[in-house]
Protein backbone atom coordinates (compact mmCIF):
# COMPACT_ATOMS: atom_id res chain seq x y z
CA MET A 1 46.24 -12.23 55.45
CA SER A 2 42.58 -12.18 56.46
CA ILE A 3 39.89 -10.38 54.45
CA ALA A 4 39.49 -7.88 57.31
CA GLN A 5 43.19 -7.03 57.17
CA GLN A 6 43.25 -6.90 53.37
CA TYR A 7 40.41 -4.38 53.15
CA GLY A 8 41.14 -2.50 56.35
CA PHE A 9 38.05 -3.61 58.24
CA THR A 10 38.06 -3.16 61.99
CA THR A 11 36.77 -5.93 64.19
CA PRO A 12 34.94 -5.08 67.43
CA HIS A 13 37.93 -6.10 69.60
CA GLN A 14 40.10 -3.56 67.70
CA ALA A 15 37.82 -0.62 68.55
CA ARG A 16 39.98 0.43 71.50
CA SER A 17 42.99 0.82 69.24
CA LEU A 18 41.24 3.17 66.79
CA ARG A 19 43.00 6.51 66.46
CA ALA A 20 42.34 9.58 64.35
CA CYS A 21 45.02 11.60 62.56
CA MET A 22 45.13 15.09 64.06
CA VAL A 23 45.77 16.63 60.64
CA CYS A 24 43.26 14.94 58.30
CA SER A 25 41.06 13.09 60.87
CA ILE A 26 41.15 9.68 59.13
CA ILE A 27 40.45 6.85 61.57
CA GLN A 28 42.55 3.68 61.56
CA VAL A 29 43.82 1.16 64.05
CA SER A 30 47.11 2.19 65.59
CA SER A 31 48.95 -0.71 63.98
CA LYS A 32 47.87 0.41 60.49
CA PHE A 33 49.27 3.91 61.12
CA VAL A 34 52.55 2.25 62.15
CA SER A 35 52.69 -0.22 59.25
CA GLU A 36 51.43 2.09 56.46
CA GLY A 37 51.41 5.63 57.83
CA CYS A 38 48.61 8.11 57.16
CA PRO A 39 47.25 7.78 53.60
CA ASN A 40 46.74 11.56 53.43
CA CYS A 41 49.55 13.08 55.49
CA GLU A 42 52.43 10.60 55.44
CA GLY A 43 54.71 12.88 53.45
CA VAL A 44 54.85 15.43 56.23
CA LEU A 45 54.01 13.41 59.37
CA GLY A 46 56.19 10.35 58.77
CA MET A 47 54.24 7.94 60.97
CA LYS A 48 55.17 4.79 59.05
CA ASP A 49 57.36 2.53 61.19
CA SER A 50 57.30 5.02 64.09
CA GLN A 51 55.13 4.23 67.10
CA GLU A 52 56.30 7.53 68.65
CA ALA A 53 55.10 9.59 65.66
CA VAL A 54 51.76 7.74 65.72
CA GLN A 55 51.32 8.62 69.40
CA GLU A 56 52.20 12.27 68.74
CA CYS A 57 50.21 12.82 65.54
CA THR A 58 47.06 10.78 66.21
CA SER A 59 44.54 10.80 69.01
CA ALA A 60 42.40 8.17 70.67
CA ASN A 61 40.14 11.03 71.80
CA TRP A 62 37.79 11.75 68.90
CA ASN A 63 34.05 12.21 68.38
CA GLY A 64 31.68 11.26 65.58
CA MET A 65 32.44 9.20 62.53
CA ILE A 66 31.64 9.69 58.86
CA ALA A 67 32.15 7.23 56.02
CA VAL A 68 33.42 8.85 52.84
CA ALA A 69 33.21 6.73 49.70
CA ASP A 70 33.74 9.44 47.07
CA PRO A 71 35.31 12.50 48.73
CA SER A 72 35.17 14.69 45.60
CA LYS A 73 31.38 14.36 45.33
CA SER A 74 30.38 14.45 48.98
CA TRP A 75 29.01 17.58 50.65
CA VAL A 76 29.89 16.01 54.01
CA ALA A 77 33.50 15.61 52.85
CA ARG A 78 33.57 19.30 51.86
CA TRP A 79 32.04 20.25 55.22
CA GLN A 80 34.75 18.23 57.00
CA ARG A 81 37.49 19.52 54.66
CA VAL A 82 38.40 15.99 53.48
CA GLU A 83 37.24 16.27 49.85
CA THR A 84 40.80 15.86 48.51
CA TYR A 85 41.63 12.88 50.74
CA VAL A 86 41.30 9.13 50.22
CA PRO A 87 37.99 7.36 50.86
CA GLY A 88 37.68 6.08 54.40
CA MET A 89 36.31 6.65 57.88
CA TYR A 90 36.88 10.14 59.31
CA ALA A 91 36.32 11.62 62.75
CA VAL A 92 34.09 14.68 62.99
CA GLN A 93 36.20 16.07 65.84
CA VAL A 94 39.73 15.12 66.94
CA ILE A 95 40.96 16.26 70.35
CA GLY A 96 44.69 16.77 70.83
CA LYS A 97 47.65 19.02 70.10
CA LEU A 98 50.38 18.40 67.57
CA PRO A 99 53.96 18.86 68.78
CA GLN A 100 55.62 22.15 67.82
CA ASP A 101 58.20 20.45 65.57
CA VAL A 102 55.40 18.84 63.53
CA LEU A 103 53.63 22.21 63.18
CA GLU A 104 56.89 23.77 61.98
CA ARG A 105 57.47 20.92 59.50
CA MET A 106 53.96 21.43 58.12
CA GLU A 107 54.58 25.16 57.73
CA ASP A 108 57.91 24.47 55.99
CA ASN A 109 56.00 22.25 53.52
CA GLY A 110 53.43 24.97 52.81
CA MET A 111 50.64 23.25 54.74
CA ARG A 112 48.23 25.30 56.82
CA TYR A 113 47.21 23.42 59.95
CA VAL A 114 43.58 23.77 60.97
CA PRO A 115 42.91 21.96 64.27
CA ARG A 116 40.08 19.42 64.03
CA ASP A 117 38.87 19.89 67.58
CA GLY A 118 36.03 22.19 66.51
CA VAL A 119 37.56 25.20 68.24
CA GLU A 120 39.59 26.85 65.51
CA ASP A 121 41.67 29.67 66.97
CA VAL A 122 40.79 32.52 64.61
CA GLY A 123 42.92 35.00 66.57
CA VAL A 124 41.25 38.39 66.94
CA GLU A 125 43.79 41.15 66.49
CA GLU A 126 43.74 43.94 69.03
CA GLU A 127 44.12 47.57 67.98
């Protein structure tokens, strides 16, 4: 195993395979999502060993990147709502829609899904 693989570094030729989790916005190469799953959301998304789940629950369409070394002490991590997640690289905005069955599974597990596309649907109630 190379040092890059051991520590999760991404080489320039891997840049096209970078994807962001649509739930937590962590950025990893597609193969790492398949081999290890999402370090923050695996319990509910189940991406490990499932290329199909990786395609459904991550997006190659994301903007901005932040490096978070100590999420609990970072104001940027709080701003991005990643302060309880693992250290890593996170997308500022992730474009995409989760499948309905994944949204239902999240709800069943008591998780509130907040889209990371920057356009949170706050839903104005009509009288």
